[in-house]
Amino acid sequence: MTLAGNMKLKNFVLIAVAAVALGSFGLYAACSGKHEDKAEKQKEEAQKRASAAALTPDAAPAPVPVDAQAPSVAPTPPAGPVDLAAREWDTAVIAWKGRAINSDKLKDAIKGKSYKVNLYKDAGSSTVDRAKIDINKNNKWDEKISFKGDEITLERAPNDDESYTEKYHWNGTGWIKAK
């Protein structure tokens, strides 16, 4: 008996079994990859929660390696009136306050975002003193954030020309225009 022209039944069965085996293996590989991705996401979430817990006022900041990402801190609603609401990069940059970096400058400290952040540690300091933000990644710094004691100051270049003409102070939830 022949199937598919001159192919013998024995050969046809061997090919069919091989196709089913390959298909099963492919399905297994695809499903097992999803489980690994899910486990990895859960691990990343746990690390983020641990990082956020480490940033509480009671905890002393630990030095971070140069290639580490800033912890993600969700903005809280303003407690009172603010002149400039907190943006995504504000909370990400402020999370670096009081944290150590391994050099005087850390380029693109928060990778994978639509903005670029460089961090700076001034001479004689052991932690981040200031940051520059390029909101639209056009190689012109739009904002500078400085940390001096408990005071956090924002200087803005509203014309995207690195001429900082606006100044604000952080109130814990947003920016208040300096007088």
Foldseek 3Di string as FASTA:
>chain_A
DDDPPRHRPVVVVVVVVVVVVVVVVVVVVVVVVVVVVVVVVVVVVVVLVVLVVCLPPVHQADEDELQDAQRQDDFDADPDDAPFFDDRVNRSVVSQVNYAYPDQKRWQRHPDDQKTKMFGADPPGRGTAKIFIGNRPPPQTAWMWGDDPPWIKIFGDVVSHNPGDWIWTDPRRYTHTDD
